[in-house]
Amino acid sequence: MNTQLSGTSFIGFSRSTGSQACSQAVNPATGEKLAPQYLAATGEEVEKAMSLAASAFQTYSALSGKTRAGFLRTIADKIEASVEDIAARGPLETGLPEGRMRGETGRTTGQLRMFAALLEEGSWVDARIELAQPDRAPVPKPDLRSMLRPLGPVAVFCASNFPLAFSVAGGDTASALAAGCPVVVIAHASHPGIAEIVATAVVAAAQECGMPEGVFSLLYGGGRTIGQSVVKHPVTQAVGFTGSRAAGTALMASAAARPQPIPVYAEMSSVNPLVILPGALARGEAALAEAYYGSLTLGAGQFCTNPGLVFLPADKGDEFLARLKELVEAGSPATLLNASICSAFSEATGSFATAAGVETLARCGNDAGHGQASPVVYTVSIADFVGNETLQGELFGPGALIVRGSLAEIESAIAGLEGQLTATLQASDEELAENTSLVAALQQRAGRLIFNGFPTGVEVCSSMVHGGPFPSTSDGRSTSVGTMAIYRFCRAVAWQSFPDAALPPELQAANPLGIKRMG
C-alpha cells in the first residue's frame, strides 16, 4: 500500500499522539487481527479538534460556493488516487469483495462531485427577495431578503456497513462540507484502516486547496466515548449518523440534553416492507422469487434497504414460495461485516424461529464458516404477526419474514408498522389504480415508494429520498442521500433593510452569481 497506516487520529492537519489502544481491525472471515493498533484521541486532542473546527467555521463558511466546490472535487481526486489502497485494505477489514470496494469508492467520489456541481450552480441557497414598499399603508413594508446559511461544525459517525459511502468522506461529510460546515468524523472500529486512508486524502486536499486547518478532523476512540464527547461539545451544531437504533437514540438523547439542543440526523432501523399482489404473481412467480432473492441477499443482507418483510396474499404465491425455498436452500453463507453483526443476526433469527406461529420456509443447507451467516426465510400468518414486536424488528443480514393474509389485513398491518426507509409494491397497473388507500398507507410509513422494483441499489441523485419516519431516521423530513441532504446542515437567515453592498452576493440586486432567486 502507498498509504502508511499510523493508527492515529487527524487533529486538523496534525497527527495525534494518542493515549491508549482503542481498537484493532479484525478480518471477519478469519478472525485475524490487522496491524496497526489504533490509539484513542486524548481529551486534550478532542478539545483541540473542536477548537480548530470552531475557528475554521468563521473562514470556511464565508468561502464562495465555487471555492468549496473546488475543495470537494480535489477530495474526490485524492480518494480516486488511493483506490488501490482501498481495494487492498477494504476486503481484509470488512469481508466485502474488492469489486464492492471499488464500486463504493466510485459512489463516494461521485457524490462529492455531485455536491460540487450543486455549489457551482448556486441556487440551492434558496435566495428570496421582497422589495421594500415604503408607501404601503397602513404600515410600510421593509426590504427583506433571505437565504440558507451553514449551521456550524458537524459531527459525523462512520457507518459499519458502508466503509466509504457513509463514512469518512461519505454523504454526511460531503453535504456538510458543501453547506459550509467543518466536519469532525468519528471513525468506526470495524474499518479503521479504510478511515485513515480516506482521511489522508481529505487532509491532503484541504492543504492543497488552502482550506483553514480544522475544516476536517478524524478521531479514533469509539462512539460511546469520543463520539459522545464530540456530540456534547458546545462547538458541535449538528450530527450525522448511520447505525443501530440503540446507538442513534443514545446520540439523540445526548444532543437533546445539551444546554443548547442540536439536531441529530440518524439513519437507524428499517425492514423495508414489500407487498406482492396477484397481478405481479401472474407475470411469473419464479422470476419474481429470483429477483426478490437477489435483493434480499445483496451485500449479505447488510444494506439498510434490504427488503426483509414481505406481505403475500394468503391464498396466492405457492410457486413464488417454492422457488424462493429452492434458492435459499441452494444459497451460500456470507461473511458479515464484523462479529457483533454476526452475533446479532444469530440472536435475531433465533427469536424469529421460536416466535408463536412462525415456520421456517427455508434455510441455506451449506454450513456457515467463521463470521458467516446463512440465508433464511420464515413465514407467519398476519394474525400472528400483528402485535408481535419481535417479528416487526430488523433482521440485519440475509434473513426475511413473509406474512400472509388478505389484502384488507395487509393494509391494516402496514398502517401499524414503524417508519421505514422504503416500501415496495409489486402489482399490475390496474391493481395500483384500484388500491389507492394501500398506496397511501405505504406513503405514510416510508420515505421512498417503489413500484415493481426492489429497494436495494440507492440512486445518488437530486430527487432521491433516503430517510423516513422514525425509527428509520430520527427526522423523517430529511434525506442522507442526494443533493437535498445539504439542507440538514443549514438554517435560514433574513437581512432586513441592508444596503445592497452589505448583502451576500446571492442577495444583491445585480445577482452577480447569476443564480435562480424567488422575487
Protein backbone atom coordinates (compact mmCIF):
# COMPACT_ATOMS: atom_id res chain seq x y z
CA MET A 1 0.00 0.00 0.00
CA ASN A 2 1.10 3.56 -0.71
CA THR A 3 -0.69 4.94 2.36
CA GLN A 4 1.28 4.22 5.51
CA LEU A 5 -1.14 3.47 8.33
CA SER A 6 -0.10 5.01 11.64
CA GLY A 7 -3.07 4.19 13.87
CA THR A 8 -3.54 7.80 14.99
CA SER A 9 -6.20 10.48 14.61
CA PHE A 10 -6.08 13.60 12.47
CA ILE A 11 -6.42 16.71 14.63
CA GLY A 12 -6.82 19.20 11.86
CA PHE A 13 -3.66 18.85 9.77
CA SER A 14 -1.64 17.21 12.57
CA ARG A 15 -1.47 13.61 13.70
CA SER A 16 -2.36 12.81 17.29
CA THR A 17 -0.01 11.19 19.73
CA GLY A 18 -2.89 9.08 21.06
CA SER A 19 -3.19 7.74 24.57
CA GLN A 20 -4.10 4.10 24.77
CA ALA A 21 -5.12 1.41 22.33
CA CYS A 22 -8.82 1.58 21.48
CA SER A 23 -9.31 -0.71 18.50
CA GLN A 24 -7.68 -3.00 16.01
CA ALA A 25 -9.23 -4.14 12.76
CA VAL A 26 -10.17 -7.81 12.59
CA ASN A 27 -10.61 -9.77 9.38
CA PRO A 28 -14.21 -11.03 9.78
CA ALA A 29 -13.56 -14.03 7.55
CA THR A 30 -10.59 -15.34 9.54
CA GLY A 31 -10.57 -13.60 12.91
CA GLU A 32 -7.02 -12.37 12.21
CA LYS A 33 -6.08 -9.05 13.82
CA LEU A 34 -4.73 -6.48 11.39
CA ALA A 35 -1.94 -4.01 12.10
CA PRO A 36 -1.73 -1.30 13.21
CA GLN A 37 -3.34 -0.92 16.59
CA TYR A 38 -5.36 2.30 16.77
CA LEU A 39 -4.93 4.80 19.59
CA ALA A 40 -7.75 6.82 21.10
CA ALA A 41 -7.54 10.58 20.85
CA THR A 42 -6.94 12.20 24.23
CA GLY A 43 -9.35 14.63 25.83
CA GLU A 44 -6.95 17.47 25.03
CA GLU A 45 -6.82 16.38 21.38
CA VAL A 46 -10.61 16.26 21.13
CA GLU A 47 -10.73 19.76 22.59
CA LYS A 48 -8.14 20.95 20.06
CA ALA A 49 -10.09 19.41 17.16
CA MET A 50 -13.24 21.20 18.29
CA SER A 51 -11.40 24.50 18.77
CA LEU A 52 -9.91 24.21 15.30
CA ALA A 53 -13.34 23.42 13.84
CA ALA A 54 -14.86 26.49 15.51
CA SER A 55 -12.09 28.70 14.14
CA ALA A 56 -12.29 27.12 10.68
CA PHE A 57 -16.03 27.76 10.52
CA GLN A 58 -15.52 31.51 10.53
CA THR A 59 -13.36 31.28 7.41
CA TYR A 60 -14.80 28.25 5.63
CA SER A 61 -18.45 29.32 5.87
CA ALA A 62 -17.57 32.62 4.15
CA LEU A 63 -15.92 30.97 1.13
CA SER A 64 -17.71 31.11 -2.19
CA GLY A 65 -19.59 28.10 -3.48
CA LYS A 66 -17.10 27.86 -6.32
CA THR A 67 -14.18 27.64 -3.88
CA ARG A 68 -15.86 24.98 -1.76
CA ALA A 69 -16.73 23.07 -4.94
CA GLY A 70 -13.06 23.02 -5.89
CA PHE A 71 -12.24 21.56 -2.48
CA LEU A 72 -14.84 18.78 -2.88
CA ARG A 73 -13.55 17.92 -6.35
CA THR A 74 -9.98 17.74 -5.04
CA ILE A 75 -11.10 15.38 -2.25
CA ALA A 76 -12.69 13.17 -4.90
CA ASP A 77 -9.49 13.20 -6.96
CA LYS A 78 -7.35 12.30 -3.93
CA ILE A 79 -9.65 9.42 -2.96
CA GLU A 80 -9.58 8.09 -6.52
CA ALA A 81 -5.79 8.18 -6.39
CA SER A 82 -5.99 5.96 -3.28
CA VAL A 83 -8.36 3.39 -4.77
CA GLU A 84 -5.71 0.65 -4.96
CA ASP A 85 -5.02 1.03 -1.24
CA ILE A 86 -8.75 0.94 -0.51
CA ALA A 87 -9.21 -2.13 -2.69
CA ALA A 88 -6.37 -3.90 -0.86
CA ARG A 89 -7.29 -2.99 2.72
CA GLY A 90 -11.09 -2.98 2.40
CA PRO A 91 -11.73 -6.72 1.96
CA LEU A 92 -9.42 -7.51 4.88
CA GLU A 93 -11.32 -5.24 7.27
CA THR A 94 -14.88 -5.84 6.09
CA GLY A 95 -15.09 -9.17 4.30
CA LEU A 96 -16.56 -7.29 1.34
CA PRO A 97 -15.17 -8.15 -2.10
CA GLU A 98 -12.68 -5.94 -3.92
CA GLY A 99 -15.31 -5.09 -6.52
CA ARG A 100 -17.56 -3.66 -3.83
CA MET A 101 -14.65 -1.54 -2.54
CA ARG A 102 -14.01 -0.11 -5.98
CA GLY A 103 -17.70 0.46 -6.64
CA GLU A 104 -18.24 2.18 -3.32
CA THR A 105 -15.20 4.35 -3.94
CA GLY A 106 -16.83 5.47 -7.18
CA ARG A 107 -20.08 6.25 -5.38
CA THR A 108 -18.20 8.27 -2.77
CA THR A 109 -16.30 10.35 -5.30
CA GLY A 110 -19.41 10.70 -7.41
CA GLN A 111 -21.44 12.24 -4.61
CA LEU A 112 -18.61 14.63 -3.76
CA ARG A 113 -18.66 15.85 -7.35
CA MET A 114 -22.45 15.98 -7.31
CA PHE A 115 -22.34 18.43 -4.40
CA ALA A 116 -19.58 20.39 -6.14
CA ALA A 117 -21.86 20.85 -9.15
CA LEU A 118 -24.67 21.95 -6.82
CA LEU A 119 -22.42 24.60 -5.29
CA GLU A 120 -21.23 25.84 -8.66
CA GLU A 121 -24.81 26.32 -9.88
CA GLY A 122 -25.64 28.07 -6.59
CA SER A 123 -29.44 28.13 -6.46
CA TRP A 124 -29.57 25.65 -3.56
CA VAL A 125 -29.29 28.59 -1.11
CA ASP A 126 -32.98 29.35 -1.77
CA ALA A 127 -32.46 33.10 -2.13
CA ARG A 128 -35.71 35.05 -1.63
CA ILE A 129 -36.15 38.77 -2.21
CA GLU A 130 -39.04 41.01 -1.15
CA LEU A 131 -38.53 44.63 -2.17
CA ALA A 132 -39.45 47.45 0.15
CA GLN A 133 -42.79 49.23 -0.22
CA PRO A 134 -42.28 52.45 1.75
CA ASP A 135 -45.64 53.86 0.65
CA ARG A 136 -47.67 50.82 1.71
CA ALA A 137 -50.49 51.70 4.10
CA PRO A 138 -51.07 51.48 6.92
CA VAL A 139 -47.53 50.11 7.59
CA PRO A 140 -44.59 50.46 5.19
CA LYS A 141 -43.00 47.19 4.06
CA PRO A 142 -39.23 46.87 4.64
CA ASP A 143 -36.79 45.33 2.19
CA LEU A 144 -36.41 41.66 3.18
CA ARG A 145 -34.01 39.12 1.69
CA SER A 146 -33.26 35.62 2.95
CA MET A 147 -31.13 32.60 2.13
CA LEU A 148 -29.70 29.48 3.75
CA ARG A 149 -26.51 29.66 5.78
CA PRO A 150 -24.39 26.87 7.34
CA LEU A 151 -25.12 25.75 10.91
CA GLY A 152 -21.58 25.27 12.17
CA PRO A 153 -19.25 22.32 12.87
CA VAL A 154 -20.85 18.90 12.29
CA ALA A 155 -20.04 15.56 13.94
CA VAL A 156 -20.18 12.62 11.52
CA PHE A 157 -20.18 8.98 12.64
CA CYS A 158 -18.84 6.37 10.23
CA ALA A 159 -21.22 3.51 9.37
CA SER A 160 -20.23 -0.13 9.73
CA ASN A 161 -21.96 -1.33 6.55
CA PHE A 162 -20.66 1.35 4.16
CA PRO A 163 -16.95 1.90 4.90
CA LEU A 164 -16.77 4.60 2.22
CA ALA A 165 -20.12 5.98 1.04
CA PHE A 166 -21.45 6.55 4.59
CA SER A 167 -18.18 7.06 6.39
CA VAL A 168 -15.20 9.44 6.44
CA ALA A 169 -15.93 11.27 3.18
CA GLY A 170 -19.40 9.87 2.58
CA GLY A 171 -22.72 11.60 2.13
CA ASP A 172 -22.89 13.23 5.56
CA THR A 173 -19.40 14.69 5.26
CA ALA A 174 -19.87 15.74 1.64
CA SER A 175 -23.17 17.52 2.32
CA ALA A 176 -21.87 19.21 5.48
CA LEU A 177 -18.73 20.46 3.74
CA ALA A 178 -20.85 21.61 0.81
CA ALA A 179 -23.09 23.59 3.17
CA GLY A 180 -20.04 25.36 4.61
CA CYS A 181 -19.66 23.35 7.82
CA PRO A 182 -16.36 21.92 9.12
CA VAL A 183 -16.59 18.21 9.95
CA VAL A 184 -15.27 16.14 12.84
CA VAL A 185 -15.50 12.45 11.93
CA ILE A 186 -15.63 9.62 14.47
CA ALA A 187 -14.06 6.51 12.93
CA HIS A 188 -15.77 3.11 13.12
CA ALA A 189 -13.82 0.38 14.90
CA SER A 190 -14.62 -2.16 12.18
CA HIS A 191 -12.69 -0.43 9.40
CA PRO A 192 -10.14 1.96 10.92
CA GLY A 193 -7.61 1.44 8.14
CA ILE A 194 -10.00 2.49 5.39
CA ALA A 195 -10.88 5.51 7.52
CA GLU A 196 -7.22 6.50 7.76
CA ILE A 197 -6.66 6.08 4.00
CA VAL A 198 -9.62 8.30 3.15
CA ALA A 199 -8.83 10.85 5.87
CA THR A 200 -5.29 11.15 4.50
CA ALA A 201 -6.82 12.05 1.13
CA VAL A 202 -9.19 14.61 2.66
CA VAL A 203 -6.45 16.34 4.65
CA ALA A 204 -4.17 16.43 1.60
CA ALA A 205 -6.98 18.04 -0.39
CA ALA A 206 -7.62 20.60 2.34
CA GLN A 207 -3.97 21.60 2.44
CA GLU A 208 -3.65 21.73 -1.35
CA CYS A 209 -6.75 23.94 -1.61
CA GLY A 210 -5.68 26.29 1.18
CA MET A 211 -8.58 25.39 3.45
CA PRO A 212 -8.41 26.51 7.09
CA GLU A 213 -7.00 23.94 9.49
CA GLY A 214 -9.88 22.36 11.35
CA VAL A 215 -12.17 22.11 8.35
CA PHE A 216 -11.75 18.35 8.86
CA SER A 217 -10.60 16.09 11.69
CA LEU A 218 -10.79 12.31 12.19
CA LEU A 219 -10.95 10.91 15.71
CA TYR A 220 -10.41 7.34 16.90
CA GLY A 221 -11.76 6.20 20.24
CA GLY A 222 -15.30 4.94 19.73
CA GLY A 223 -18.78 6.37 19.63
CA ARG A 224 -19.57 5.76 23.30
CA THR A 225 -16.59 7.79 24.49
CA ILE A 226 -15.04 10.10 21.91
CA GLY A 227 -18.27 10.30 19.90
CA GLN A 228 -20.39 11.28 22.87
CA SER A 229 -17.89 13.94 23.93
CA VAL A 230 -18.00 15.47 20.44
CA VAL A 231 -21.81 15.46 20.38
CA LYS A 232 -21.95 17.13 23.79
CA HIS A 233 -19.30 19.71 22.92
CA PRO A 234 -20.75 23.23 22.61
CA VAL A 235 -18.96 23.79 19.29
CA THR A 236 -20.89 20.99 17.56
CA GLN A 237 -24.07 22.20 15.84
CA ALA A 238 -25.41 19.03 14.17
CA VAL A 239 -24.78 15.28 13.96
CA GLY A 240 -24.87 12.82 11.07
CA PHE A 241 -25.15 9.14 11.98
CA THR A 242 -25.86 5.79 10.29
CA GLY A 243 -26.07 2.74 12.52
CA SER A 244 -28.09 0.91 15.11
CA ARG A 245 -31.27 2.16 16.71
CA ALA A 246 -29.76 1.90 20.19
CA ALA A 247 -26.72 4.00 19.30
CA GLY A 248 -28.76 6.50 17.30
CA THR A 249 -31.28 7.12 20.05
CA ALA A 250 -28.46 7.47 22.59
CA LEU A 251 -26.96 10.24 20.47
CA MET A 252 -30.37 11.86 20.12
CA ALA A 253 -30.78 11.87 23.91
CA SER A 254 -27.33 13.41 24.42
CA ALA A 255 -27.96 16.10 21.83
CA ALA A 256 -31.38 16.94 23.30
CA ALA A 257 -29.97 17.17 26.84
CA ARG A 258 -27.38 19.81 25.93
CA PRO A 259 -27.89 23.36 27.20
CA GLN A 260 -28.25 24.17 23.51
CA PRO A 261 -30.00 21.17 21.90
CA ILE A 262 -28.84 20.33 18.37
CA PRO A 263 -30.31 18.21 15.56
CA VAL A 264 -29.21 14.60 15.11
CA TYR A 265 -29.80 13.17 11.66
CA ALA A 266 -29.68 9.45 12.40
CA GLU A 267 -30.47 6.67 9.96
CA MET A 268 -31.28 3.61 12.04
CA SER A 269 -33.71 0.70 11.65
CA SER A 270 -35.79 -0.31 8.62
CA VAL A 271 -37.32 -3.61 7.43
CA ASN A 272 -38.46 -2.15 4.08
CA PRO A 273 -41.84 -3.90 3.56
CA LEU A 274 -42.68 -5.33 0.17
CA VAL A 275 -46.30 -6.03 -0.82
CA ILE A 276 -46.96 -8.57 -3.57
CA LEU A 277 -50.38 -8.50 -5.25
CA PRO A 278 -51.81 -11.17 -7.59
CA GLY A 279 -51.03 -9.17 -10.72
CA ALA A 280 -47.31 -9.36 -10.00
CA LEU A 281 -47.52 -13.10 -9.40
CA ALA A 282 -49.33 -13.51 -12.72
CA ARG A 283 -46.30 -12.13 -14.55
CA GLY A 284 -44.21 -15.08 -13.35
CA GLU A 285 -43.85 -16.28 -9.77
CA ALA A 286 -40.50 -18.00 -10.25
CA ALA A 287 -38.90 -14.95 -11.85
CA LEU A 288 -40.28 -12.74 -9.08
CA ALA A 289 -38.81 -15.06 -6.45
CA GLU A 290 -35.42 -14.95 -8.14
CA ALA A 291 -35.41 -11.16 -8.31
CA TYR A 292 -36.50 -10.90 -4.68
CA TYR A 293 -33.83 -13.34 -3.51
CA GLY A 294 -31.18 -11.28 -5.26
CA SER A 295 -32.31 -8.12 -3.48
CA LEU A 296 -32.62 -9.87 -0.11
CA THR A 297 -29.11 -11.30 -0.16
CA LEU A 298 -27.33 -8.39 -1.87
CA GLY A 299 -24.41 -7.35 0.31
CA ALA A 300 -25.17 -10.34 2.59
CA GLY A 301 -28.40 -8.57 3.54
CA GLN A 302 -26.45 -5.77 5.23
CA PHE A 303 -27.85 -2.84 3.26
CA CYS A 304 -30.24 -0.58 5.12
CA THR A 305 -32.73 -1.08 2.27
CA ASN A 306 -32.75 -4.88 2.04
CA PRO A 307 -36.42 -5.97 1.85
CA GLY A 308 -36.73 -8.10 4.98
CA LEU A 309 -40.54 -8.13 5.26
CA VAL A 310 -42.89 -9.43 2.56
CA PHE A 311 -46.69 -9.31 2.57
CA LEU A 312 -48.23 -12.01 0.38
CA PRO A 313 -51.92 -12.86 -0.22
CA ALA A 314 -52.87 -15.87 1.90
CA ASP A 315 -54.26 -17.92 -0.99
CA LYS A 316 -51.66 -16.96 -3.61
CA GLY A 317 -47.95 -17.31 -4.26
CA ASP A 318 -47.28 -21.01 -3.70
CA GLU A 319 -44.96 -21.16 -6.72
CA PHE A 320 -43.21 -17.99 -5.53
CA LEU A 321 -42.57 -19.60 -2.14
CA ALA A 322 -41.46 -22.88 -3.67
CA ARG A 323 -38.90 -21.20 -5.91
CA LEU A 324 -37.70 -18.98 -3.07
CA LYS A 325 -37.25 -22.09 -0.91
CA GLU A 326 -35.08 -23.67 -3.60
CA LEU A 327 -32.92 -20.57 -3.88
CA VAL A 328 -32.41 -20.21 -0.15
CA GLU A 329 -31.56 -23.88 0.38
CA ALA A 330 -29.07 -23.81 -2.50
CA GLY A 331 -27.59 -20.49 -1.42
CA SER A 332 -24.24 -19.82 0.13
CA PRO A 333 -23.33 -18.49 3.58
CA ALA A 334 -21.89 -14.98 3.51
CA THR A 335 -19.27 -13.30 5.67
CA LEU A 336 -20.80 -10.49 7.71
CA LEU A 337 -19.06 -7.22 8.44
CA ASN A 338 -17.99 -7.98 11.98
CA ALA A 339 -18.51 -10.37 14.87
CA SER A 340 -21.07 -8.10 16.54
CA ILE A 341 -23.33 -8.05 13.47
CA CYS A 342 -22.92 -11.81 13.07
CA SER A 343 -23.90 -12.39 16.69
CA ALA A 344 -26.88 -10.04 16.45
CA PHE A 345 -28.16 -11.81 13.33
CA SER A 346 -27.89 -15.18 15.03
CA GLU A 347 -29.79 -13.88 18.05
CA ALA A 348 -32.49 -12.25 15.93
CA THR A 349 -33.07 -15.32 13.77
CA GLY A 350 -33.32 -17.42 16.91
CA SER A 351 -36.04 -15.11 18.25
CA PHE A 352 -37.93 -15.26 14.97
CA ALA A 353 -37.71 -19.04 14.69
CA THR A 354 -39.23 -19.57 18.14
CA ALA A 355 -41.96 -16.90 17.91
CA ALA A 356 -45.57 -18.08 18.01
CA GLY A 357 -46.93 -19.14 14.62
CA VAL A 358 -43.63 -18.77 12.77
CA GLU A 359 -42.45 -21.52 10.45
CA THR A 360 -39.08 -21.80 8.72
CA LEU A 361 -39.72 -21.79 4.98
CA ALA A 362 -36.09 -22.44 4.11
CA ARG A 363 -32.58 -22.21 5.46
CA CYS A 364 -29.36 -22.45 3.48
CA GLY A 365 -28.16 -26.04 3.52
CA ASN A 366 -24.47 -25.17 3.34
CA ASP A 367 -22.60 -24.86 6.61
CA ALA A 368 -21.60 -21.37 7.65
CA GLY A 369 -17.93 -20.76 8.40
CA HIS A 370 -16.23 -18.29 10.71
CA GLY A 371 -18.06 -14.97 10.78
CA GLN A 372 -20.66 -16.13 8.29
CA ALA A 373 -24.46 -16.17 8.20
CA SER A 374 -26.74 -18.39 6.13
CA PRO A 375 -29.78 -17.10 4.23
CA VAL A 376 -33.05 -17.92 5.98
CA VAL A 377 -36.72 -17.13 5.30
CA TYR A 378 -39.62 -17.52 7.73
CA THR A 379 -43.38 -17.43 7.20
CA VAL A 380 -46.20 -16.39 9.53
CA SER A 381 -49.89 -15.59 9.34
CA ILE A 382 -50.84 -11.97 9.60
CA ALA A 383 -52.82 -12.74 12.75
CA ASP A 384 -49.66 -13.94 14.50
CA PHE A 385 -47.60 -11.09 13.03
CA VAL A 386 -49.75 -8.21 14.20
CA GLY A 387 -48.89 -7.14 17.71
CA ASN A 388 -45.68 -9.19 17.93
CA GLU A 389 -42.95 -6.57 18.21
CA THR A 390 -40.23 -9.18 17.77
CA LEU A 391 -41.45 -10.06 14.28
CA GLN A 392 -41.58 -6.40 13.28
CA GLY A 393 -37.91 -5.91 14.12
CA GLU A 394 -34.99 -5.83 11.72
CA LEU A 395 -33.09 -8.94 10.60
CA PHE A 396 -29.82 -7.23 9.67
CA GLY A 397 -28.37 -9.89 7.43
CA PRO A 398 -29.67 -12.38 4.82
CA GLY A 399 -32.99 -13.11 6.53
CA ALA A 400 -36.64 -12.33 5.81
CA LEU A 401 -40.16 -12.86 7.09
CA ILE A 402 -43.11 -13.50 4.78
CA VAL A 403 -46.51 -12.55 6.20
CA ARG A 404 -49.66 -13.98 4.60
CA GLY A 405 -53.15 -12.52 4.86
CA SER A 406 -55.99 -10.85 2.99
CA LEU A 407 -55.49 -7.53 1.23
CA ALA A 408 -57.55 -5.74 3.90
CA GLU A 409 -55.44 -7.33 6.65
CA ILE A 410 -52.23 -6.41 4.85
CA GLU A 411 -53.29 -2.78 4.51
CA SER A 412 -54.22 -2.64 8.18
CA ALA A 413 -50.91 -4.21 9.22
CA ILE A 414 -48.91 -1.71 7.15
CA ALA A 415 -50.64 1.16 8.89
CA GLY A 416 -49.37 -0.24 12.21
CA LEU A 417 -45.73 -0.59 11.14
CA GLU A 418 -42.96 1.67 12.36
CA GLY A 419 -41.38 4.15 9.97
CA GLN A 420 -39.37 2.75 7.06
CA LEU A 421 -36.81 3.93 4.52
CA THR A 422 -38.64 2.21 1.68
CA ALA A 423 -41.93 0.49 0.86
CA THR A 424 -42.36 -1.55 -2.30
CA LEU A 425 -45.47 -2.59 -4.22
CA GLN A 426 -45.33 -5.40 -6.77
CA ALA A 427 -48.60 -5.25 -8.70
CA SER A 428 -50.25 -4.62 -12.07
CA ASP A 429 -51.07 -1.11 -13.24
CA GLU A 430 -54.75 -1.90 -12.70
CA GLU A 431 -54.12 -3.01 -9.11
CA LEU A 432 -52.13 0.14 -8.48
CA ALA A 433 -55.07 2.27 -9.61
CA GLU A 434 -57.56 0.20 -7.60
CA ASN A 435 -55.63 0.29 -4.32
CA THR A 436 -55.07 3.97 -3.64
CA SER A 437 -55.64 3.50 0.09
CA LEU A 438 -52.90 0.83 0.20
CA VAL A 439 -50.51 3.20 -1.57
CA ALA A 440 -51.48 5.95 0.88
CA ALA A 441 -50.75 3.62 3.80
CA LEU A 442 -47.32 2.82 2.35
CA GLN A 443 -46.64 6.52 1.81
CA GLN A 444 -47.34 7.26 5.46
CA ARG A 445 -44.81 4.64 6.55
CA ALA A 446 -41.86 5.25 4.21
CA GLY A 447 -39.64 7.88 2.64
CA ARG A 448 -39.40 6.17 -0.76
CA LEU A 449 -42.11 4.23 -2.59
CA ILE A 450 -41.09 1.67 -5.22
CA PHE A 451 -43.37 0.17 -7.85
CA ASN A 452 -42.40 -3.13 -9.48
CA GLY A 453 -38.79 -2.91 -8.42
CA PHE A 454 -36.63 -3.56 -5.37
CA PRO A 455 -35.20 -1.12 -2.85
CA THR A 456 -31.54 -2.12 -2.87
CA GLY A 457 -29.32 -0.05 -5.13
CA VAL A 458 -29.94 3.50 -3.89
CA GLU A 459 -29.54 6.02 -6.70
CA VAL A 460 -27.41 9.02 -5.74
CA CYS A 461 -29.19 11.93 -7.38
CA SER A 462 -31.08 15.14 -6.65
CA SER A 463 -34.52 13.51 -6.31
CA MET A 464 -33.51 10.64 -4.03
CA VAL A 465 -35.05 10.46 -0.56
CA HIS A 466 -33.13 8.21 1.79
CA GLY A 467 -35.00 8.87 5.00
CA GLY A 468 -38.35 8.15 6.56
CA PRO A 469 -40.45 8.30 9.71
CA PHE A 470 -38.89 7.21 13.00
CA PRO A 471 -37.13 4.86 13.61
CA SER A 472 -35.85 4.58 10.04
CA THR A 473 -34.48 8.05 10.66
CA SER A 474 -34.62 10.47 13.56
CA ASP A 475 -36.17 13.15 11.34
CA GLY A 476 -38.40 11.98 8.51
CA ARG A 477 -38.22 15.38 6.82
CA SER A 478 -34.62 14.76 5.77
CA THR A 479 -32.55 12.57 3.47
CA SER A 480 -28.95 11.37 3.82
CA VAL A 481 -28.54 10.68 0.08
CA GLY A 482 -28.84 13.14 -2.79
CA THR A 483 -28.45 16.88 -3.01
CA MET A 484 -31.35 17.52 -0.60
CA ALA A 485 -29.03 16.20 2.15
CA ILE A 486 -27.35 19.62 2.26
CA TYR A 487 -30.42 21.19 3.88
CA ARG A 488 -29.80 19.25 7.11
CA PHE A 489 -26.82 21.46 7.86
CA CYS A 490 -28.26 24.89 7.08
CA ARG A 491 -30.58 27.44 8.62
CA ALA A 492 -32.46 30.36 7.08
CA VAL A 493 -31.25 33.91 7.73
CA ALA A 494 -33.04 37.11 6.70
CA TRP A 495 -31.47 40.53 6.05
CA GLN A 496 -33.84 43.44 6.61
CA SER A 497 -33.19 46.91 5.12
CA PHE A 498 -29.49 46.21 4.49
CA PRO A 499 -27.58 48.32 1.95
CA ASP A 500 -27.01 46.36 -1.25
CA ALA A 501 -23.22 46.34 -0.88
CA ALA A 502 -23.51 44.77 2.58
CA LEU A 503 -25.62 41.83 1.38
CA PRO A 504 -24.25 38.42 0.42
CA PRO A 505 -23.69 38.18 -3.37
CA GLU A 506 -26.62 35.77 -3.63
CA LEU A 507 -28.98 38.54 -2.47
CA GLN A 508 -27.53 41.59 -4.18
CA ALA A 509 -29.65 43.42 -6.73
CA ALA A 510 -27.32 42.70 -9.65
CA ASN A 511 -27.35 38.96 -8.90
CA PRO A 512 -23.59 38.69 -9.62
CA LEU A 513 -23.66 34.89 -9.30
CA GLY A 514 -26.49 34.54 -11.80
CA ILE A 515 -28.48 32.12 -9.64
CA LYS A 516 -32.21 31.48 -9.66
CA ARG A 517 -33.97 33.50 -6.98
CA MET A 518 -37.51 33.98 -5.72
CA GLY A 519 -38.81 37.51 -6.01
